[in-house]
PDB file of N, CA and C in Angstrom:
ATOM      1  N   MET A   1       0.833  -1.180   0.000  1.00  0.00           N
ATOM      2  CA  MET A   1       0.000   0.000   0.000  1.00  0.00           C
ATOM      3  C   MET A   1       0.879   1.246   0.000  1.00  0.00           C
ATOM      4  N   GLN A   2       0.621   2.155  -0.930  1.00  0.00           N
ATOM      5  CA  GLN A   2       1.436   3.350  -1.052  1.00  0.00           C
ATOM      6  C   GLN A   2       0.620   4.577  -0.665  1.00  0.00           C
ATOM      7  N   ARG A   3       1.276   5.532  -0.027  1.00  0.00           N
ATOM      8  CA  ARG A   3       0.610   6.761   0.384  1.00  0.00           C
ATOM      9  C   ARG A   3       0.543   7.742  -0.777  1.00  0.00           C
ATOM     10  N   GLU A   4      -0.436   8.657  -0.685  1.00  0.00           N
ATOM     11  CA  GLU A   4      -0.491   9.755  -1.644  1.00  0.00           C
ATOM     12  C   GLU A   4       0.692  10.672  -1.389  1.00  0.00           C
ATOM     13  N   ARG A   5       1.088  11.379  -2.417  1.00  0.00           N
ATOM     14  CA  ARG A   5       2.201  12.306  -2.288  1.00  0.00           C
ATOM     15  C   ARG A   5       1.877  13.355  -1.220  1.00  0.00           C
ATOM     16  N   GLY A   6       2.802  13.575  -0.310  1.00  0.00           N
ATOM     17  CA  GLY A   6       2.614  14.555   0.751  1.00  0.00           C
ATOM     18  C   GLY A   6       1.893  14.032   1.973  1.00  0.00           C
ATOM     19  N   ALA A   7       1.336  12.815   1.881  1.00  0.00           N
ATOM     20  CA  ALA A   7       0.556  12.274   2.998  1.00  0.00           C
ATOM     21  C   ALA A   7       1.422  12.009   4.227  1.00  0.00           C
ATOM     22  N   LEU A   8       2.651  11.553   4.024  1.00  0.00           N
ATOM     23  CA  LEU A   8       3.517  11.275   5.165  1.00  0.00           C
ATOM     24  C   LEU A   8       3.888  12.578   5.875  1.00  0.00           C
ATOM     25  N   GLY A   9       4.192  13.617   5.113  1.00  0.00           N
ATOM     26  CA  GLY A   9       4.498  14.912   5.716  1.00  0.00           C
ATOM     27  C   GLY A   9       3.315  15.441   6.510  1.00  0.00           C
ATOM     28  N   THR A  10       2.113  15.269   5.965  1.00  0.00           N
ATOM     29  CA  THR A  10       0.907  15.697   6.666  1.00  0.00           C
ATOM     30  C   THR A  10       0.733  14.909   7.953  1.00  0.00           C
ATOM     31  N   SER A  11       0.959  13.603   7.896  1.00  0.00           N
ATOM     32  CA  SER A  11       0.860  12.772   9.102  1.00  0.00           C
ATOM     33  C   SER A  11       1.862  13.218  10.157  1.00  0.00           C
ATOM     34  N   VAL A  12       3.081  13.489   9.738  1.00  0.00           N
ATOM     35  CA  VAL A  12       4.123  13.924  10.670  1.00  0.00           C
ATOM     36  C   VAL A  12       3.724  15.248  11.312  1.00  0.00           C
ATOM     37  N   MET A  13       3.228  16.192  10.517  1.00  0.00           N
ATOM     38  CA  MET A  13       2.811  17.477  11.078  1.00  0.00           C
ATOM     39  C   MET A  13       1.667  17.300  12.073  1.00  0.00           C
ATOM     40  N   ASN A  14       0.691  16.461  11.736  1.00  0.00           N
ATOM     41  CA  ASN A  14      -0.420  16.220  12.660  1.00  0.00           C
ATOM     42  C   ASN A  14       0.064  15.644  13.979  1.00  0.00           C
ATOM     43  N   ILE A  15       1.030  14.754  13.918  1.00  0.00           N
ATOM     44  CA  ILE A  15       1.598  14.166  15.132  1.00  0.00           C
ATOM     45  C   ILE A  15       2.279  15.247  15.968  1.00  0.00           C
ATOM     46  N   LEU A  16       3.041  16.116  15.315  1.00  0.00           N
ATOM     47  CA  LEU A  16       3.738  17.173  16.050  1.00  0.00           C
ATOM     48  C   LEU A  16       2.760  18.207  16.615  1.00  0.00           C
ATOM     49  N   TRP A  17       1.712  18.532  15.867  1.00  0.00           N
ATOM     50  CA  TRP A  17       0.709  19.476  16.384  1.00  0.00           C
ATOM     51  C   TRP A  17       0.023  18.907  17.624  1.00  0.00           C
ATOM     52  N   ASP A  18      -0.114  17.604  17.671  1.00  0.00           N
ATOM     53  CA  ASP A  18      -0.757  16.955  18.817  1.00  0.00           C
ATOM     54  C   ASP A  18       0.219  16.669  19.959  1.00  0.00           C
ATOM     55  N   ALA A  19       1.477  17.075  19.791  1.00  0.00           N
ATOM     56  CA  ALA A  19       2.509  16.825  20.804  1.00  0.00           C
ATOM     57  C   ALA A  19       3.148  18.155  21.226  1.00  0.00           C
ATOM     58  N   PRO A  20       2.492  18.902  22.102  1.00  0.00           N
ATOM     59  CA  PRO A  20       3.014  20.216  22.480  1.00  0.00           C
ATOM     60  C   PRO A  20       4.413  20.162  23.111  1.00  0.00           C
ATOM     61  N   ASP A  21       4.776  19.027  23.679  1.00  0.00           N
ATOM     62  CA  ASP A  21       6.114  18.874  24.259  1.00  0.00           C
ATOM     63  C   ASP A  21       7.109  18.313  23.252  1.00  0.00           C
ATOM     64  N   GLY A  22       6.696  18.235  21.986  1.00  0.00           N
ATOM     65  CA  GLY A  22       7.564  17.718  20.946  1.00  0.00           C
ATOM     66  C   GLY A  22       7.582  16.200  20.923  1.00  0.00           C
ATOM     67  N   ALA A  23       8.295  15.667  19.955  1.00  0.00           N
ATOM     68  CA  ALA A  23       8.392  14.211  19.803  1.00  0.00           C
ATOM     69  C   ALA A  23       9.728  13.865  19.157  1.00  0.00           C
ATOM     70  N   THR A  24      10.267  12.739  19.539  1.00  0.00           N
ATOM     71  CA  THR A  24      11.489  12.241  18.909  1.00  0.00           C
ATOM     72  C   THR A  24      11.119  11.605  17.569  1.00  0.00           C
ATOM     73  N   GLY A  25      12.122  11.344  16.763  1.00  0.00           N
ATOM     74  CA  GLY A  25      11.883  10.661  15.497  1.00  0.00           C
ATOM     75  C   GLY A  25      11.205   9.317  15.698  1.00  0.00           C
ATOM     76  N   ASN A  26      11.661   8.569  16.714  1.00  0.00           N
ATOM     77  CA  ASN A  26      11.043   7.273  17.001  1.00  0.00           C
ATOM     78  C   ASN A  26       9.590   7.421  17.432  1.00  0.00           C
ATOM     79  N   GLN A  27       9.295   8.434  18.244  1.00  0.00           N
ATOM     80  CA  GLN A  27       7.920   8.653  18.676  1.00  0.00           C
ATOM     81  C   GLN A  27       7.019   9.021  17.495  1.00  0.00           C
ATOM     82  N   VAL A  28       7.555   9.833  16.599  1.00  0.00           N
ATOM     83  CA  VAL A  28       6.785  10.184  15.393  1.00  0.00           C
ATOM     84  C   VAL A  28       6.533   8.916  14.584  1.00  0.00           C
ATOM     85  N   ARG A  29       7.576   8.139  14.348  1.00  0.00           N
ATOM     86  CA  ARG A  29       7.431   6.902  13.570  1.00  0.00           C
ATOM     87  C   ARG A  29       6.402   5.972  14.191  1.00  0.00           C
ATOM     88  N   ASP A  30       6.463   5.801  15.507  1.00  0.00           N
ATOM     89  CA  ASP A  30       5.545   4.887  16.185  1.00  0.00           C
ATOM     90  C   ASP A  30       4.096   5.366  16.129  1.00  0.00           C
ATOM     91  N   ALA A  31       3.896   6.660  15.975  1.00  0.00           N
ATOM     92  CA  ALA A  31       2.537   7.205  15.934  1.00  0.00           C
ATOM     93  C   ALA A  31       1.916   7.145  14.538  1.00  0.00           C
ATOM     94  N   ILE A  32       2.705   6.831  13.538  1.00  0.00           N
ATOM     95  CA  ILE A  32       2.206   6.764  12.162  1.00  0.00           C
ATOM     96  C   ILE A  32       1.479   5.441  11.961  1.00  0.00           C
ATOM     97  N   VAL A  33       0.297   5.540  11.364  1.00  0.00           N
ATOM     98  CA  VAL A  33      -0.472   4.324  11.095  1.00  0.00           C
ATOM     99  C   VAL A  33       0.154   3.576   9.919  1.00  0.00           C
ATOM    100  N   GLU A  34      -0.210   2.342   9.803  1.00  0.00           N
ATOM    101  CA  GLU A  34       0.340   1.478   8.745  1.00  0.00           C
ATOM    102  C   GLU A  34       0.037   2.064   7.375  1.00  0.00           C
ATOM    103  N   PRO A  35       0.891   1.875   6.427  1.00  0.00           N
ATOM    104  CA  PRO A  35       2.184   1.201   6.541  1.00  0.00           C
ATOM    105  C   PRO A  35       3.201   2.100   7.249  1.00  0.00           C
ATOM    106  N   ARG A  36       3.822   1.560   8.269  1.00  0.00           N
ATOM    107  CA  ARG A  36       4.780   2.320   9.069  1.00  0.00           C
ATOM    108  C   ARG A  36       6.093   2.425   8.300  1.00  0.00           C
ATOM    109  N   PRO A  37       6.565   3.655   8.071  1.00  0.00           N
ATOM    110  CA  PRO A  37       7.815   3.839   7.323  1.00  0.00           C
ATOM    111  C   PRO A  37       9.035   3.551   8.191  1.00  0.00           C
ATOM    112  N   ALA A  38      10.161   3.448   7.537  1.00  0.00           N
ATOM    113  CA  ALA A  38      11.428   3.274   8.255  1.00  0.00           C
ATOM    114  C   ALA A  38      11.755   4.566   8.996  1.00  0.00           C
ATOM    115  N   LEU A  39      12.511   4.455  10.074  1.00  0.00           N
ATOM    116  CA  LEU A  39      12.905   5.628  10.841  1.00  0.00           C
ATOM    117  C   LEU A  39      13.677   6.608   9.959  1.00  0.00           C
ATOM    118  N   THR A  40      14.530   6.103   9.071  1.00  0.00           N
ATOM    119  CA  THR A  40      15.295   7.004   8.202  1.00  0.00           C
ATOM    120  C   THR A  40      14.366   7.833   7.310  1.00  0.00           C
ATOM    121  N   THR A  41      13.278   7.242   6.876  1.00  0.00           N
ATOM    122  CA  THR A  41      12.298   7.966   6.057  1.00  0.00           C
ATOM    123  C   THR A  41      11.651   9.076   6.879  1.00  0.00           C
ATOM    124  N   VAL A  42      11.278   8.767   8.113  1.00  0.00           N
ATOM    125  CA  VAL A  42      10.666   9.768   8.992  1.00  0.00           C
ATOM    126  C   VAL A  42      11.651  10.905   9.255  1.00  0.00           C
ATOM    127  N   LEU A  43      12.905  10.579   9.510  1.00  0.00           N
ATOM    128  CA  LEU A  43      13.912  11.607   9.765  1.00  0.00           C
ATOM    129  C   LEU A  43      14.141  12.481   8.535  1.00  0.00           C
ATOM    130  N   THR A  44      14.084  11.882   7.356  1.00  0.00           N
ATOM    131  CA  THR A  44      14.204  12.659   6.120  1.00  0.00           C
ATOM    132  C   THR A  44      13.035  13.624   5.979  1.00  0.00           C
ATOM    133  N   VAL A  45      11.823  13.150   6.253  1.00  0.00           N
ATOM    134  CA  VAL A  45      10.640  14.011   6.187  1.00  0.00           C
ATOM    135  C   VAL A  45      10.774  15.145   7.202  1.00  0.00           C
ATOM    136  N   LEU A  46      11.207  14.822   8.413  1.00  0.00           N
ATOM    137  CA  LEU A  46      11.388  15.858   9.435  1.00  0.00           C
ATOM    138  C   LEU A  46      12.416  16.894   8.999  1.00  0.00           C
ATOM    139  N   ASP A  47      13.506  16.464   8.385  1.00  0.00           N
ATOM    140  CA  ASP A  47      14.520  17.408   7.890  1.00  0.00           C
ATOM    141  C   ASP A  47      13.962  18.287   6.776  1.00  0.00           C
ATOM    142  N   ARG A  48      13.162  17.716   5.895  1.00  0.00           N
ATOM    143  CA  ARG A  48      12.565  18.515   4.816  1.00  0.00           C
ATOM    144  C   ARG A  48      11.565  19.525   5.365  1.00  0.00           C
ATOM    145  N   LEU A  49      10.791  19.105   6.359  1.00  0.00           N
ATOM    146  CA  LEU A  49       9.847  20.033   6.991  1.00  0.00           C
ATOM    147  C   LEU A  49      10.603  21.133   7.746  1.00  0.00           C
ATOM    148  N   ARG A  50      11.736  20.780   8.299  1.00  0.00           N
ATOM    149  CA  ARG A  50      12.588  21.771   8.978  1.00  0.00           C
ATOM    150  C   ARG A  50      13.151  22.767   7.968  1.00  0.00           C
ATOM    151  N   ASP A  51      13.570  22.282   6.801  1.00  0.00           N
ATOM    152  CA  ASP A  51      14.070  23.162   5.746  1.00  0.00           C
ATOM    153  C   ASP A  51      12.997  24.153   5.284  1.00  0.00           C
ATOM    154  N   LYS A  52      11.729  23.732   5.348  1.00  0.00           N
ATOM    155  CA  LYS A  52      10.610  24.603   4.954  1.00  0.00           C
ATOM    156  C   LYS A  52      10.192  25.534   6.089  1.00  0.00           C
ATOM    157  N   GLY A  53      10.799  25.366   7.256  1.00  0.00           N
ATOM    158  CA  GLY A  53      10.469  26.211   8.393  1.00  0.00           C
ATOM    159  C   GLY A  53       9.235  25.776   9.158  1.00  0.00           C
ATOM    160  N   LEU A  54       8.734  24.577   8.886  1.00  0.00           N
ATOM    161  CA  LEU A  54       7.533  24.089   9.557  1.00  0.00           C
ATOM    162  C   LEU A  54       7.831  23.349  10.854  1.00  0.00           C
ATOM    163  N   VAL A  55       9.091  22.923  11.003  1.00  0.00           N
ATOM    164  CA  VAL A  55       9.510  22.122  12.155  1.00  0.00           C
ATOM    165  C   VAL A  55      10.839  22.671  12.665  1.00  0.00           C
ATOM    166  N   ARG A  56      10.994  22.652  13.979  1.00  0.00           N
ATOM    167  CA  ARG A  56      12.296  22.952  14.589  1.00  0.00           C
ATOM    168  C   ARG A  56      12.692  21.752  15.444  1.00  0.00           C
ATOM    169  N   ARG A  57      13.966  21.657  15.730  1.00  0.00           N
ATOM    170  CA  ARG A  57      14.418  20.547  16.568  1.00  0.00           C
ATOM    171  C   ARG A  57      15.317  21.077  17.666  1.00  0.00           C
ATOM    172  N   GLU A  58      15.292  20.351  18.767  1.00  0.00           N
ATOM    173  CA  GLU A  58      16.152  20.654  19.908  1.00  0.00           C
ATOM    174  C   GLU A  58      16.877  19.387  20.302  1.00  0.00           C
ATOM    175  N   LYS A  59      18.116  19.567  20.746  1.00  0.00           N
ATOM    176  CA  LYS A  59      18.898  18.421  21.217  1.00  0.00           C
ATOM    177  C   LYS A  59      18.148  17.744  22.350  1.00  0.00           C
ATOM    178  N   PHE A  60      18.110  16.428  22.295  1.00  0.00           N
ATOM    179  CA  PHE A  60      17.377  15.657  23.299  1.00  0.00           C
ATOM    180  C   PHE A  60      18.246  14.498  23.744  1.00  0.00           C
ATOM    181  N   GLU A  61      18.451  14.423  25.038  1.00  0.00           N
ATOM    182  CA  GLU A  61      19.300  13.383  25.624  1.00  0.00           C
ATOM    183  C   GLU A  61      20.661  13.408  24.955  1.00  0.00           C
ATOM    184  N   SER A  62      21.312  12.293  24.829  1.00  0.00           N
ATOM    185  CA  SER A  62      22.701  12.317  24.360  1.00  0.00           C
ATOM    186  C   SER A  62      22.847  12.270  22.838  1.00  0.00           C
ATOM    187  N   ARG A  63      21.929  11.620  22.165  1.00  0.00           N
ATOM    188  CA  ARG A  63      22.156  11.428  20.732  1.00  0.00           C
ATOM    189  C   ARG A  63      20.926  11.676  19.876  1.00  0.00           C
ATOM    190  N   GLY A  64      20.055  12.481  20.259  1.00  0.00           N
ATOM    191  CA  GLY A  64      18.887  12.638  19.425  1.00  0.00           C
ATOM    192  C   GLY A  64      18.304  14.028  19.499  1.00  0.00           C
ATOM    193  N   TYR A  65      17.185  14.160  18.833  1.00  0.00           N
ATOM    194  CA  TYR A  65      16.490  15.435  18.795  1.00  0.00           C
ATOM    195  C   TYR A  65      15.021  15.232  19.136  1.00  0.00           C
ATOM    196  N   ARG A  66      14.434  16.278  19.631  1.00  0.00           N
ATOM    197  CA  ARG A  66      12.993  16.352  19.828  1.00  0.00           C
ATOM    198  C   ARG A  66      12.513  17.397  18.829  1.00  0.00           C
ATOM    199  N   TYR A  67      11.464  17.067  18.110  1.00  0.00           N
ATOM    200  CA  TYR A  67      10.941  17.922  17.038  1.00  0.00           C
ATOM    201  C   TYR A  67       9.646  18.596  17.473  1.00  0.00           C
ATOM    202  N   PHE A  68       9.461  19.832  16.996  1.00  0.00           N
ATOM    203  CA  PHE A  68       8.295  20.639  17.337  1.00  0.00           C
ATOM    204  C   PHE A  68       7.767  21.312  16.084  1.00  0.00           C
ATOM    205  N   ALA A  69       6.451  21.446  15.984  1.00  0.00           N
ATOM    206  CA  ALA A  69       5.852  22.252  14.917  1.00  0.00           C
ATOM    207  C   ALA A  69       6.140  23.716  15.244  1.00  0.00           C
ATOM    208  N   THR A  70       6.475  24.511  14.240  1.00  0.00           N
ATOM    209  CA  THR A  70       6.827  25.912  14.489  1.00  0.00           C
ATOM    210  C   THR A  70       5.622  26.842  14.426  1.00  0.00           C
ATOM    211  N   THR A  71       4.568  26.424  13.768  1.00  0.00           N
ATOM    212  CA  THR A  71       3.374  27.257  13.668  1.00  0.00           C
ATOM    213  C   THR A  71       2.150  26.411  14.016  1.00  0.00           C
ATOM    214  N   PRO A  72       1.109  27.057  14.519  1.00  0.00           N
ATOM    215  CA  PRO A  72      -0.107  26.302  14.840  1.00  0.00           C
ATOM    216  C   PRO A  72      -0.734  25.682  13.591  1.00  0.00           C
ATOM    217  N   ARG A  73      -1.464  24.618  13.799  1.00  0.00           N
ATOM    218  CA  ARG A  73      -2.123  23.888  12.717  1.00  0.00           C
ATOM    219  C   ARG A  73      -2.982  24.811  11.857  1.00  0.00           C
ATOM    220  N   ASP A  74      -3.854  25.600  12.492  1.00  0.00           N
ATOM    221  CA  ASP A  74      -4.771  26.457  11.730  1.00  0.00           C
ATOM    222  C   ASP A  74      -4.021  27.461  10.870  1.00  0.00           C
ATOM    223  N   GLU A  75      -2.970  28.046  11.418  1.00  0.00           N
ATOM    224  CA  GLU A  75      -2.187  29.025  10.659  1.00  0.00           C
ATOM    225  C   GLU A  75      -1.534  28.370   9.438  1.00  0.00           C
ATOM    226  N   THR A  76      -1.027  27.180   9.610  1.00  0.00           N
ATOM    227  CA  THR A  76      -0.388  26.462   8.505  1.00  0.00           C
ATOM    228  C   THR A  76      -1.410  26.130   7.420  1.00  0.00           C
ATOM    229  N   ILE A  77      -2.601  25.725   7.825  1.00  0.00           N
ATOM    230  CA  ILE A  77      -3.655  25.395   6.859  1.00  0.00           C
ATOM    231  C   ILE A  77      -4.085  26.637   6.100  1.00  0.00           C
ATOM    232  N   VAL A  78      -4.267  27.753   6.808  1.00  0.00           N
ATOM    233  CA  VAL A  78      -4.644  29.003   6.139  1.00  0.00           C
ATOM    234  C   VAL A  78      -3.566  29.406   5.135  1.00  0.00           C
ATOM    235  N   ASP A  79      -2.300  29.324   5.534  1.00  0.00           N
ATOM    236  CA  ASP A  79      -1.207  29.664   4.614  1.00  0.00           C
ATOM    237  C   ASP A  79      -1.263  28.796   3.363  1.00  0.00           C
ATOM    238  N   SER A  80      -1.554  27.527   3.533  1.00  0.00           N
ATOM    239  CA  SER A  80      -1.649  26.608   2.394  1.00  0.00           C
ATOM    240  C   SER A  80      -2.811  26.986   1.481  1.00  0.00           C
ATOM    241  N   MET A  81      -3.947  27.350   2.081  1.00  0.00           N
ATOM    242  CA  MET A  81      -5.114  27.738   1.283  1.00  0.00           C
ATOM    243  C   MET A  81      -4.829  29.014   0.493  1.00  0.00           C
ATOM    244  N   VAL A  82      -4.212  29.993   1.143  1.00  0.00           N
ATOM    245  CA  VAL A  82      -3.888  31.255   0.465  1.00  0.00           C
ATOM    246  C   VAL A  82      -2.865  31.012  -0.643  1.00  0.00           C
ATOM    247  N   ARG A  83      -1.877  30.166  -0.365  1.00  0.00           N
ATOM    248  CA  ARG A  83      -0.861  29.849  -1.381  1.00  0.00           C
ATOM    249  C   ARG A  83      -1.502  29.164  -2.591  1.00  0.00           C
ATOM    250  N   SER A  84      -2.439  28.249  -2.339  1.00  0.00           N
ATOM    251  CA  SER A  84      -3.130  27.572  -3.439  1.00  0.00           C
ATOM    252  C   SER A  84      -3.911  28.567  -4.281  1.00  0.00           C
ATOM    253  N   LEU A  85      -4.573  29.493  -3.633  1.00  0.00           N
ATOM    254  CA  LEU A  85      -5.338  30.508  -4.356  1.00  0.00           C
ATOM    255  C   LEU A  85      -4.411  31.421  -5.151  1.00  0.00           C
ATOM    256  N   THR A  86      -3.307  31.806  -4.565  1.00  0.00           N
ATOM    257  CA  THR A  86      -2.340  32.669  -5.231  1.00  0.00           C
ATOM    258  C   THR A  86      -1.731  31.989  -6.452  1.00  0.00           C
ATOM    259  N   GLU A  87      -1.499  30.692  -6.351  1.00  0.00           N
ATOM    260  CA  GLU A  87      -0.874  29.952  -7.447  1.00  0.00           C
ATOM    261  C   GLU A  87      -1.858  29.576  -8.547  1.00  0.00           C
ATOM    262  N   SER A  88      -3.133  29.743  -8.304  1.00  0.00           N
ATOM    263  CA  SER A  88      -4.158  29.365  -9.280  1.00  0.00           C
ATOM    264  C   SER A  88      -4.116  30.287 -10.496  1.00  0.00           C
ATOM    265  N   SER A  89      -4.301  29.708 -11.652  1.00  0.00           N
ATOM    266  CA  SER A  89      -4.364  30.524 -12.871  1.00  0.00           C
ATOM    267  C   SER A  89      -5.754  31.116 -13.056  1.00  0.00           C
ATOM    268  N   ASP A  90      -6.745  30.606 -12.326  1.00  0.00           N
ATOM    269  CA  ASP A  90      -8.115  31.117 -12.399  1.00  0.00           C
ATOM    270  C   ASP A  90      -8.696  31.173 -10.992  1.00  0.00           C
ATOM    271  N   ARG A  91      -8.494  32.301 -10.328  1.00  0.00           N
ATOM    272  CA  ARG A  91      -8.928  32.450  -8.933  1.00  0.00           C
ATOM    273  C   ARG A  91     -10.428  32.227  -8.787  1.00  0.00           C
ATOM    274  N   SER A  92     -11.208  32.747  -9.760  1.00  0.00           N
ATOM    275  CA  SER A  92     -12.669  32.593  -9.689  1.00  0.00           C
ATOM    276  C   SER A  92     -13.056  31.123  -9.689  1.00  0.00           C
ATOM    277  N   LEU A  93     -12.494  30.358 -10.616  1.00  0.00           N
ATOM    278  CA  LEU A  93     -12.805  28.939 -10.697  1.00  0.00           C
ATOM    279  C   LEU A  93     -12.381  28.217  -9.414  1.00  0.00           C
ATOM    280  N   THR A  94     -11.208  28.568  -8.910  1.00  0.00           N
ATOM    281  CA  THR A  94     -10.726  27.955  -7.675  1.00  0.00           C
ATOM    282  C   THR A  94     -11.677  28.249  -6.517  1.00  0.00           C
ATOM    283  N   LEU A  95     -12.105  29.497  -6.390  1.00  0.00           N
ATOM    284  CA  LEU A  95     -13.022  29.868  -5.312  1.00  0.00           C
ATOM    285  C   LEU A  95     -14.385  29.201  -5.478  1.00  0.00           C
ATOM    286  N   PHE A  96     -14.889  29.135  -6.722  1.00  0.00           N
ATOM    287  CA  PHE A  96     -16.171  28.460  -6.958  1.00  0.00           C
ATOM    288  C   PHE A  96     -16.079  26.984  -6.594  1.00  0.00           C
ATOM    289  N   ASN A  97     -14.989  26.335  -6.986  1.00  0.00           N
ATOM    290  CA  ASN A  97     -14.816  24.921  -6.645  1.00  0.00           C
ATOM    291  C   ASN A  97     -14.690  24.725  -5.141  1.00  0.00           C
ATOM    292  N   PHE A  98     -13.975  25.618  -4.489  1.00  0.00           N
ATOM    293  CA  PHE A  98     -13.842  25.544  -3.035  1.00  0.00           C
ATOM    294  C   PHE A  98     -15.209  25.706  -2.379  1.00  0.00           C
ATOM    295  N   ALA A  99     -15.933  26.728  -2.787  1.00  0.00           N
ATOM    296  CA  ALA A  99     -17.260  26.996  -2.203  1.00  0.00           C
ATOM    297  C   ALA A  99     -18.208  25.824  -2.440  1.00  0.00           C
ATOM    298  N   GLY A 100     -18.066  25.172  -3.575  1.00  0.00           N
ATOM    299  CA  GLY A 100     -18.924  24.029  -3.883  1.00  0.00           C
ATOM    300  C   GLY A 100     -18.689  22.831  -2.985  1.00  0.00           C
ATOM    301  N   ASN A 101     -17.571  22.826  -2.294  1.00  0.00           N
ATOM    302  CA  ASN A 101     -17.254  21.721  -1.386  1.00  0.00           C
ATOM    303  C   ASN A 101     -17.557  22.039   0.070  1.00  0.00           C
ATOM    304  N   LEU A 102     -18.121  23.214   0.325  1.00  0.00           N
ATOM    305  CA  LEU A 102     -18.428  23.610   1.694  1.00  0.00           C
ATOM    306  C   LEU A 102     -19.795  23.091   2.115  1.00  0.00           C
ATOM    307  N   THR A 103     -19.923  22.816   3.396  1.00  0.00           N
ATOM    308  CA  THR A 103     -21.228  22.458   3.946  1.00  0.00           C
ATOM    309  C   THR A 103     -22.030  23.742   4.146  1.00  0.00           C
ATOM    310  N   ASP A 104     -23.315  23.608   4.415  1.00  0.00           N
ATOM    311  CA  ASP A 104     -24.140  24.781   4.697  1.00  0.00           C
ATOM    312  C   ASP A 104     -23.592  25.543   5.905  1.00  0.00           C
ATOM    313  N   ALA A 105     -23.158  24.819   6.919  1.00  0.00           N
ATOM    314  CA  ALA A 105     -22.595  25.459   8.112  1.00  0.00           C
ATOM    315  C   ALA A 105     -21.313  26.223   7.756  1.00  0.00           C
ATOM    316  N   ASP A 106     -20.478  25.632   6.895  1.00  0.00           N
ATOM    317  CA  ASP A 106     -19.253  26.312   6.458  1.00  0.00           C
ATOM    318  C   ASP A 106     -19.593  27.598   5.717  1.00  0.00           C
ATOM    319  N   ARG A 107     -20.606  27.540   4.854  1.00  0.00           N
ATOM    320  CA  ARG A 107     -21.014  28.730   4.090  1.00  0.00           C
ATOM    321  C   ARG A 107     -21.495  29.835   5.025  1.00  0.00           C
ATOM    322  N   ASP A 108     -22.243  29.456   6.065  1.00  0.00           N
ATOM    323  CA  ASP A 108     -22.710  30.446   7.039  1.00  0.00           C
ATOM    324  C   ASP A 108     -21.536  31.119   7.741  1.00  0.00           C
ATOM    325  N   ILE A 109     -20.556  30.337   8.113  1.00  0.00           N
ATOM    326  CA  ILE A 109     -19.366  30.892   8.767  1.00  0.00           C
ATOM    327  C   ILE A 109     -18.641  31.830   7.808  1.00  0.00           C
ATOM    328  N   LEU A 110     -18.499  31.421   6.564  1.00  0.00           N
ATOM    329  CA  LEU A 110     -17.819  32.242   5.567  1.00  0.00           C
ATOM    330  C   LEU A 110     -18.585  33.551   5.330  1.00  0.00           C
ATOM    331  N   ARG A 111     -19.907  33.472   5.272  1.00  0.00           N
ATOM    332  CA  ARG A 111     -20.704  34.696   5.106  1.00  0.00           C
ATOM    333  C   ARG A 111     -20.484  35.647   6.262  1.00  0.00           C
ATOM    334  N   ARG A 112     -20.460  35.112   7.487  1.00  0.00           N
ATOM    335  CA  ARG A 112     -20.218  35.970   8.660  1.00  0.00           C
ATOM    336  C   ARG A 112     -18.830  36.599   8.591  1.00  0.00           C
ATOM    337  N   ALA A 113     -17.855  35.833   8.146  1.00  0.00           N
ATOM    338  CA  ALA A 113     -16.480  36.364   8.037  1.00  0.00           C
ATOM    339  C   ALA A 113     -16.413  37.472   7.000  1.00  0.00           C
ATOM    340  N   LEU A 114     -17.143  37.314   5.912  1.00  0.00           N
ATOM    341  CA  LEU A 114     -17.122  38.330   4.842  1.00  0.00           C
ATOM    342  C   LEU A 114     -17.896  39.582   5.231  1.00  0.00           C
ATOM    343  N   ASP A 115     -18.834  39.463   6.165  1.00  0.00           N
ATOM    344  CA  ASP A 115     -19.635  40.622   6.592  1.00  0.00           C
ATOM    345  C   ASP A 115     -18.903  41.516   7.591  1.00  0.00           C
ATOM    346  N   VAL A 116     -17.751  41.078   8.065  1.00  0.00           N
ATOM    347  CA  VAL A 116     -16.997  41.858   9.034  1.00  0.00           C
ATOM    348  C   VAL A 116     -16.316  43.009   8.309  1.00  0.00           C
ATOM    349  N   ASP A 117     -16.601  44.203   8.749  1.00  0.00           N
ATOM    350  CA  ASP A 117     -15.947  45.404   8.170  1.00  0.00           C
ATOM    351  C   ASP A 117     -15.449  46.320   9.225  1.00  0.00           C
TER     352      ASP A 117
END
């Protein structure tokens, strides 16, 4: 069974967001649902997320690191949504497609947000 592209990074971020005291590479690996990747794969993902500024690490015990998410989950998701909209060649189509996937409750929240002046 193979994961979708980016799914492992998303899983790692979710684990770190749920671990306010941080997590070691082994703890992150153990928290990933099957198929469980090799520790080296998890460490590579953590390094790539660190290069993107999404993760920081601190020395932990004698030979390892504890990893932390650098920004809150909601802020990271909003940044991703704005980046997707910015990168779109047709903002209107992107927004229409996004709106078409919202629940009635989501639309109500969005209307309230747009009414704020």
